[in-house]
Protein backbone atom coordinates (compact mmCIF):
# COMPACT_ATOMS: atom_id res chain seq x y z
CA MET A 1 176.28 -35.31 163.94
CA SER A 2 173.91 -33.90 161.24
CA HIS A 3 170.53 -32.36 162.18
CA ARG A 4 169.44 -31.57 158.71
CA LEU A 5 165.72 -31.04 157.86
CA ASP A 6 164.25 -32.78 154.91
CA LEU A 7 162.69 -29.73 153.30
CA SER A 8 160.71 -31.85 150.75
CA GLY A 9 158.76 -33.19 153.79
CA PHE A 10 157.47 -29.79 154.30
CA GLY A 11 156.45 -29.16 150.72
CA ILE A 12 159.46 -27.00 149.76
CA THR A 13 160.81 -27.47 146.43
CA GLU A 14 163.92 -26.10 144.53
CA LEU A 15 161.79 -23.03 144.05
CA GLY A 16 161.14 -22.69 147.79
CA VAL A 17 157.25 -22.44 148.53
CA LEU A 18 156.54 -22.45 144.84
CA PRO A 19 155.48 -25.77 143.28
CA VAL A 20 157.55 -26.64 140.30
CA ASP A 21 155.12 -26.09 137.34
CA PRO A 22 151.77 -26.13 139.08
CA LEU A 23 148.88 -27.90 137.49
CA GLN A 24 147.44 -25.89 134.64
CA ARG A 25 144.06 -27.51 134.32
CA LEU A 26 141.78 -29.71 136.32
CA SER A 27 140.59 -33.09 134.94
CA ARG A 28 137.47 -33.24 132.74
CA ASP A 29 135.48 -34.10 135.79
CA PHE A 30 135.87 -30.34 136.76
CA GLU A 31 135.65 -28.97 133.26
CA GLN A 32 132.63 -26.65 133.96
CA LEU A 33 134.54 -25.15 136.95
CA GLU A 34 137.52 -24.27 134.70
CA ILE A 35 135.26 -23.00 131.89
CA ILE A 36 133.17 -20.71 134.13
CA LEU A 37 136.37 -19.55 135.93
CA ASP A 38 137.78 -18.41 132.53
CA THR A 39 135.08 -16.04 132.25
CA LEU A 40 135.42 -14.52 135.77
CA PRO A 41 137.20 -11.23 134.83
CA THR A 42 134.70 -10.50 132.05
CA HIS A 43 131.80 -11.17 134.43
CA LEU A 44 133.22 -9.03 137.06
CA MET A 45 133.85 -6.09 134.60
CA ASN A 46 130.10 -6.51 133.63
CA HIS A 47 128.87 -7.02 137.17
CA THR A 48 127.36 -10.45 136.01
CA TRP A 49 129.46 -12.79 138.21
CA GLY A 50 126.77 -13.55 140.75
CA PRO A 51 124.47 -15.58 138.48
CA ALA A 52 127.49 -17.09 136.69
CA CYS A 53 128.86 -18.25 140.15
CA GLU A 54 125.69 -19.70 141.29
CA ALA A 55 125.55 -21.83 137.97
CA ILE A 56 128.80 -23.74 139.00
CA PRO A 57 127.99 -27.33 140.00
CA GLN A 58 128.48 -28.22 143.60
CA TYR A 59 131.54 -30.54 143.55
CA ASP A 60 132.49 -33.20 146.15
CA ALA A 61 135.96 -32.04 147.33
CA ASP A 62 136.51 -35.61 148.84
CA LYS A 63 136.75 -36.86 145.13
CA VAL A 64 139.44 -34.46 144.03
CA THR A 65 142.93 -35.99 143.70
CA TYR A 66 145.88 -34.73 145.90
CA ARG A 67 147.54 -33.27 142.75
CA GLU A 68 144.43 -31.48 141.89
CA LEU A 69 143.46 -30.18 145.33
CA PRO A 70 145.43 -26.87 145.38
CA ARG A 71 143.98 -25.74 141.91
CA PHE A 72 140.48 -26.84 142.94
CA HIS A 73 140.75 -24.89 146.06
CA GLN A 74 142.14 -21.87 144.10
CA LYS A 75 139.26 -21.81 141.64
CA LEU A 76 136.64 -22.05 144.35
CA ALA A 77 138.49 -19.30 146.32
CA TYR A 78 138.53 -16.96 143.33
CA ALA A 79 134.91 -17.68 142.76
CA ALA A 80 133.92 -16.86 146.32
CA SER A 81 136.05 -13.59 146.44
CA GLY A 82 134.49 -12.52 143.25
CA PHE A 83 131.01 -13.34 144.40
CA VAL A 84 131.26 -11.48 147.72
CA LEU A 85 133.25 -8.43 146.53
CA GLU A 86 131.56 -7.76 143.18
CA GLY A 87 129.73 -4.85 144.52
CA SER A 88 132.36 -3.52 146.80
CA ARG A 89 132.98 -0.22 144.59
CA GLU A 90 129.47 0.65 145.34
CA GLY A 91 129.68 -0.28 148.98
CA LYS A 92 127.47 -3.30 148.53
CA PRO A 93 129.40 -6.54 148.83
CA ARG A 94 127.33 -9.76 149.25
CA PRO A 95 127.49 -11.04 152.83
CA TYR A 96 127.44 -14.64 151.95
CA ILE A 97 128.88 -17.37 149.67
CA PRO A 98 126.36 -19.68 147.98
CA ALA A 99 126.36 -23.23 149.09
CA ASN A 100 127.68 -24.64 145.76
CA ILE A 101 130.96 -22.84 146.35
CA ALA A 102 130.96 -22.60 150.07
CA ILE A 103 130.64 -26.40 150.91
CA PRO A 104 133.41 -27.54 148.58
CA LEU A 105 135.60 -24.51 149.48
CA LYS A 106 135.39 -25.32 153.20
CA ARG A 107 135.98 -29.11 152.62
CA SER A 108 139.05 -28.62 150.31
CA SER A 109 140.40 -25.97 152.85
CA ASP A 110 140.08 -28.54 155.60
CA LEU A 111 141.95 -31.17 153.57
CA LEU A 112 144.70 -28.56 152.87
CA GLY A 113 144.81 -27.44 156.53
CA ARG A 114 143.98 -23.84 155.52
CA MET A 115 141.37 -21.31 155.85
CA PRO A 116 138.35 -21.20 153.40
CA ILE A 117 139.19 -17.95 151.56
CA LEU A 118 141.56 -16.70 148.82
CA SER A 119 144.99 -16.74 150.37
CA TYR A 120 148.51 -15.94 149.19
CA ASP A 121 149.12 -19.60 148.13
CA ASP A 122 146.19 -19.40 145.75
CA TYR A 123 146.98 -15.98 144.48
CA ALA A 124 150.70 -16.37 143.70
CA PRO A 125 152.57 -19.73 144.27
CA GLN A 126 149.86 -21.84 142.65
CA ASN A 127 149.15 -19.29 139.88
CA TYR A 128 151.90 -19.33 137.47
CA ARG A 129 153.05 -21.18 134.28
CA ARG A 130 156.36 -20.90 132.45
CA VAL A 131 156.25 -19.75 128.94
CA SER A 132 159.32 -21.76 127.98
CA LYS A 133 159.47 -25.03 129.99
CA ASP A 134 163.20 -24.83 129.78
CA GLY A 135 163.35 -21.30 130.96
CA PRO A 136 163.65 -19.81 134.53
CA VAL A 137 160.73 -18.98 136.85
CA ALA A 138 161.46 -15.18 136.30
CA LEU A 139 159.78 -12.11 134.90
CA GLY A 140 159.57 -12.53 131.09
CA ASN A 141 159.15 -16.27 131.18
CA ILE A 142 156.16 -16.68 133.54
CA GLU A 143 152.52 -15.90 133.26
CA VAL A 144 149.50 -15.74 135.50
CA MET A 145 146.85 -18.49 135.12
CA GLN A 146 143.79 -16.97 137.04
CA HIS A 147 143.08 -13.43 137.48
CA PHE A 148 140.18 -11.04 138.40
CA CYS A 149 140.84 -8.06 136.41
CA ALA A 150 140.05 -7.36 132.67
CA GLY A 151 140.86 -4.47 130.34
CA ALA A 152 143.64 -2.05 131.35
CA ASP A 153 143.77 -3.26 134.97
CA ARG A 154 144.83 -6.67 133.72
CA ARG A 155 148.41 -5.57 133.10
CA ASP A 156 148.92 -4.21 136.62
CA GLU A 157 147.26 -7.14 138.32
CA ARG A 158 149.49 -9.56 136.28
CA TRP A 159 152.71 -7.79 137.24
CA PHE A 160 151.71 -7.58 140.92
CA ILE A 161 151.40 -11.36 140.99
CA LEU A 162 154.28 -12.27 138.80
CA ASP A 163 156.67 -10.11 140.79
CA HIS A 164 155.82 -11.98 143.97
CA ILE A 165 156.34 -15.34 142.07
CA GLU A 166 159.94 -14.55 141.05
CA ILE A 167 160.62 -13.15 144.65
CA GLU A 168 159.52 -16.64 145.89
CA ALA A 169 161.56 -18.48 143.32
CA HIS A 170 164.76 -16.83 144.81
CA GLY A 171 163.41 -18.12 148.07
CA GLY A 172 164.27 -21.53 146.74
CA LYS A 173 167.93 -20.77 147.58
CA ALA A 174 167.32 -18.60 150.72
CA ILE A 175 165.42 -21.21 152.64
CA PRO A 176 167.87 -24.17 152.47
CA ALA A 177 170.63 -21.58 153.05
CA VAL A 178 169.18 -20.57 156.49
CA VAL A 179 168.30 -24.07 157.39
CA GLY A 180 171.81 -25.12 156.53
CA ALA A 181 173.33 -22.40 158.68
CA GLN A 182 171.13 -23.67 161.59
CA ASP A 183 172.38 -27.06 161.04
CA ALA A 184 175.82 -25.78 161.33
CA VAL A 185 174.96 -24.19 164.70
CA LEU A 186 173.69 -27.50 165.93
CA ASP A 187 176.99 -29.16 164.76
CA ASN A 188 179.08 -26.22 166.33
CA ASP A 189 180.66 -25.81 162.90
CA PRO A 190 181.35 -21.98 162.08
CA HIS A 191 182.76 -22.76 158.68
CA LEU A 192 179.53 -24.37 157.60
CA CYS A 193 177.53 -21.58 159.20
CA GLU A 194 179.56 -19.24 157.01
CA GLN A 195 178.70 -21.15 153.93
CA GLY A 196 175.05 -21.03 154.77
CA LEU A 197 175.02 -17.30 155.22
CA THR A 198 177.23 -16.71 152.25
CA LYS A 199 174.45 -18.57 150.13
CA LEU A 200 171.69 -16.61 151.77
CA HIS A 201 172.93 -13.06 151.04
CA PRO A 202 172.93 -13.33 147.23
CA ALA A 203 169.43 -14.84 147.42
CA LEU A 204 168.23 -11.97 149.45
CA VAL A 205 169.95 -9.47 147.01
CA GLU A 206 167.92 -11.12 144.17
CA MET A 207 164.61 -10.97 146.18
CA LYS A 208 165.18 -7.26 146.86
CA ARG A 209 166.22 -6.63 143.23
CA VAL A 210 162.87 -8.20 141.94
CA LEU A 211 160.70 -6.34 144.59
CA LYS A 212 162.21 -3.11 143.27
CA ARG A 213 160.79 -3.95 139.84
CA MET A 214 157.16 -3.72 141.03
CA PRO A 215 156.54 -0.26 139.63
CA ASP A 216 157.78 -1.25 136.07
CA GLU A 217 154.25 -2.48 135.21
CA CYS A 218 152.04 -2.05 138.29
CA ASP A 219 150.82 1.55 138.61
CA PRO A 220 149.83 2.54 142.24
CA HIS A 221 146.45 4.11 140.99
CA ALA A 222 145.59 1.09 138.85
CA PHE A 223 146.38 -1.42 141.72
CA PHE A 224 144.48 0.55 144.23
CA ASP A 225 141.30 0.74 142.02
CA GLY A 226 141.74 -2.66 140.42
CA ALA A 227 143.56 -5.64 141.81
CA ARG A 228 143.25 -4.57 145.49
CA LEU A 229 139.56 -4.46 145.33
CA TRP A 230 139.43 -8.29 144.77
CA ILE A 231 141.65 -9.41 147.49
CA TRP A 232 140.04 -7.83 150.54
CA GLY A 233 138.74 -10.32 152.98
CA TRP A 234 135.85 -10.35 155.34
CA LYS A 235 137.66 -9.10 158.45
CA ASN A 236 137.67 -5.44 159.34
CA ASN A 237 135.96 -4.92 156.11
CA PRO A 238 133.65 -1.82 156.83
CA PHE A 239 130.85 -2.98 154.49
CA LEU A 240 130.79 -6.67 155.97
CA PRO A 241 130.29 -5.93 159.74
CA GLU A 242 128.69 -9.32 160.33
CA GLY A 243 131.25 -11.09 158.22
CA VAL A 244 130.31 -13.60 155.40
CA VAL A 245 127.95 -16.45 155.73
CA TYR A 246 129.10 -19.78 154.24
CA GLN A 247 125.70 -21.11 153.11
CA GLY A 248 125.31 -24.88 153.88
CA VAL A 249 128.43 -25.23 155.90
CA GLU A 250 127.16 -26.97 159.00
CA ALA A 251 130.40 -26.24 160.96
CA TYR A 252 129.67 -22.56 160.80
CA GLY A 253 125.87 -22.77 161.60
CA GLY A 254 125.05 -19.80 159.52
CA ILE A 255 127.20 -17.50 161.62
CA GLY A 256 129.06 -14.91 159.53
CA GLN A 257 132.84 -15.53 159.39
CA HIS A 258 135.49 -12.84 159.63
CA LEU A 259 138.55 -14.11 157.71
CA HIS A 260 141.56 -12.07 156.56
CA GLY A 261 142.06 -11.25 152.89
CA GLU A 262 145.11 -12.25 150.78
CA THR A 263 148.38 -10.68 151.84
CA GLY A 264 152.03 -11.12 151.60
CA SER A 265 152.07 -11.77 155.34
CA GLN A 266 150.79 -15.31 154.44
CA SER A 267 154.05 -16.15 152.70
CA PRO A 268 156.36 -18.14 155.05
CA THR A 269 159.59 -17.24 153.27
CA ILE A 270 160.57 -14.00 155.04
CA PRO A 271 159.37 -15.11 158.36
CA MET A 272 161.55 -18.37 158.02
CA ILE A 273 164.61 -16.10 157.22
CA ARG A 274 164.00 -13.78 160.08
CA ALA A 275 163.30 -16.57 162.52
CA ALA A 276 166.61 -18.34 161.67
CA LEU A 277 168.63 -15.24 161.77
CA GLY A 278 167.25 -14.70 165.30
CA VAL A 279 165.14 -11.61 164.85
CA VAL A 280 163.17 -11.03 167.99
CA HIS A 281 159.66 -9.48 167.87
CA VAL A 282 158.17 -7.93 170.88
CA LYS A 283 154.71 -9.45 171.65
CA THR A 284 152.20 -6.92 170.26
CA GLU A 285 149.15 -7.01 168.02
CA LEU A 286 151.54 -7.61 165.40
CA THR A 287 152.87 -10.88 166.57
CA GLU A 288 149.26 -11.98 167.17
CA TYR A 289 148.47 -11.11 163.60
CA LEU A 290 151.57 -12.99 162.22
CA GLU A 291 150.51 -15.99 164.21
CA GLU A 292 147.02 -15.79 162.85
CA MET A 293 148.52 -15.54 159.30
CA ARG A 294 149.93 -19.00 159.66
CA LYS A 295 146.35 -20.42 159.42
CA TYR A 296 146.25 -19.40 155.85
CA MET A 297 149.56 -21.08 154.88
CA PRO A 298 149.76 -24.50 153.48
CA ARG A 299 150.05 -27.13 156.30
CA GLY A 300 153.73 -28.12 155.44
CA HIS A 301 154.85 -24.52 155.05
CA ARG A 302 153.47 -23.71 158.63
CA ARG A 303 155.06 -26.76 160.16
CA LEU A 304 158.44 -25.74 158.78
CA LEU A 305 158.01 -22.24 160.09
CA TYR A 306 157.49 -23.67 163.52
CA ALA A 307 160.35 -26.12 163.17
CA ILE A 308 162.77 -23.39 162.20
CA GLU A 309 161.60 -21.18 165.13
CA ALA A 310 162.24 -24.20 167.53
CA ARG A 311 165.76 -24.64 166.34
CA PRO A 312 168.81 -22.67 167.63
CA LYS A 313 169.09 -19.15 166.24
CA ILE A 314 172.11 -18.07 164.11
CA ARG A 315 172.68 -14.76 165.90
CA PRO A 316 174.08 -16.00 169.29
CA PHE A 317 176.31 -18.50 167.33
CA VAL A 318 177.67 -15.56 165.22
CA MET A 319 178.29 -13.54 168.30
CA ARG A 320 180.69 -16.29 169.62
CA HIS A 321 182.52 -16.39 166.28
CA ALA A 322 183.45 -12.77 165.39
CA TYR A 323 184.59 -13.46 161.91
CA LEU A 324 180.99 -14.29 160.92
CA LYS A 325 179.75 -10.87 161.87
CA ASP A 326 180.12 -9.23 158.55
CA VAL A 327 178.38 -11.78 156.44
CA TYR A 328 175.60 -12.10 159.03
CA ASN A 329 175.15 -8.36 159.18
CA ALA A 330 174.93 -8.20 155.48
CA CYS A 331 172.10 -10.70 155.44
CA VAL A 332 170.26 -8.66 158.21
CA THR A 333 170.68 -5.63 156.18
CA GLU A 334 169.26 -7.06 153.03
CA ALA A 335 166.15 -8.40 154.94
CA HIS A 336 165.77 -5.00 156.44
CA GLU A 337 165.94 -3.22 153.01
CA PHE A 338 163.49 -5.64 151.51
CA LEU A 339 160.98 -4.54 154.19
CA TRP A 340 161.87 -0.99 153.72
CA ILE A 341 161.03 -1.26 150.12
CA HIS A 342 157.71 -2.94 150.90
CA TYR A 343 156.95 -0.19 153.46
CA GLY A 344 157.52 2.37 150.80
CA TYR A 345 155.10 0.57 148.41
CA ALA A 346 152.48 0.31 151.13
CA ALA A 347 152.59 4.07 151.59
CA GLU A 348 152.63 4.75 147.73
CA TYR A 349 150.15 2.04 146.57
CA ILE A 350 147.60 2.17 149.44
CA GLN A 351 147.95 5.00 151.90
CA LYS A 352 148.48 7.78 149.42
CA GLN A 353 145.94 6.51 146.95
CA ALA A 354 143.11 6.39 149.57
CA THR A 355 144.22 9.77 150.88
CA ILE A 356 144.07 11.25 147.50
CA ARG A 357 140.50 10.01 146.98
CA GLY A 358 139.24 10.67 150.57
CA THR A 359 137.44 7.32 150.25
CA THR A 360 136.20 5.04 153.08
CA ALA A 361 135.30 2.15 150.76
CA ASN A 362 139.10 1.28 150.36
CA SER A 363 140.78 2.23 153.66
CA ASN A 364 144.21 3.86 153.79
CA GLN A 365 144.73 2.47 157.28
CA VAL A 366 143.77 -1.17 156.88
CA GLY A 367 145.40 -3.47 154.35
CA THR A 368 144.04 -6.37 152.30
CA GLY A 369 144.63 -8.59 155.21
CA GLY A 370 142.66 -6.51 157.54
CA THR A 371 145.36 -4.81 159.52
CA PRO A 372 147.00 -1.40 160.25
CA PHE A 373 149.72 -2.33 157.73
CA MET A 374 151.96 0.76 158.05
CA LYS A 375 152.31 0.37 161.93
CA TYR A 376 153.16 -3.36 161.44
CA LEU A 377 155.48 -2.91 158.72
CA LYS A 378 157.49 -0.25 160.65
CA GLN A 379 157.63 -2.60 163.68
CA LEU A 380 159.00 -5.44 161.42
CA MET A 381 161.62 -3.20 159.92
CA ASP A 382 162.75 -1.89 163.26
CA GLU A 383 163.12 -5.17 164.92
CA THR A 384 164.91 -6.82 161.92
CA LEU A 385 167.50 -3.96 161.91
CA ALA A 386 168.01 -4.42 165.59
CA ALA A 387 169.27 -7.88 164.93
CA ARG A 388 172.58 -6.40 163.55
CA ILE A 389 175.65 -7.06 165.68
CA ASP A 390 177.86 -4.10 166.50
């Protein structure tokens, strides 16, 4: 009997969590929103985004089509982050979002089942276009559509986003591979389980290979002082102790909201793989945080992650079929090494940079998601490696 999941029902495409060629422009009804957001990097560089942002019309999110909704949300989320964080270098972010942005941002977030702030899906999966339509979703053939930085910092921000996009594209093979291996466990079919793990391994190898390219065009110094500034959230932000008020949003009643900033922890791809493989996480602040991050994912991706977690794990099945151990361990090793590289980047791109500057405005202990990232990454690495079978 087959127990196969229909991944398309969860918003998963042949490119994993990436949409295939996301919408490049909203319809003419939202032309002014597009035009003003095109100027965002220049305004931020000149510290003039506040008035420009307040000039954006207040759109009715209920009139946005389903196809346009992710891009509509993305534009408003970029506008809001730019507005709040424009003065962060001087320690003076704005503690509110104007109603013309806050109201449709909250409504579009509700429609998408996500939180009303710039999230990973806005920043990477929904934010690319292919240079050649016939070419791959890979570095060299993809470009960013929306960005914060202008001038020299533009190159580093661009590469930071694009590197994540190609990693997710390889997830287009990893996700169905682990789901297929789980199907085999349900069918008690070790041969099909081996096939799934054999497909997963090269996908993980490619994800790691692309991650290792991050330093090619993303300098730690430039990232820390440039791109990172704009993806901070309003949770554990030392300059926003009362959070951020969403003006005009009745549901919040004028109370400041403490929301996490954009972070790779909001991608479901690696968590899906770890869950299917049977990686066990001891309940700590980390597991609470990872659960919280699911609120920032697209609704379908979140549902799939829960579905994968509820299915039988691959690890116990492998332990009953010893010949599967080598390919399983190879997958676990790649997943661990991916996290190890990420850990090294966190140390180099954030912790070291803040230590050099001795700054409190851009903490070396708290990541853009508002967490003690080095501690959390170390736990993820250790628990992933512990899944290996001796």
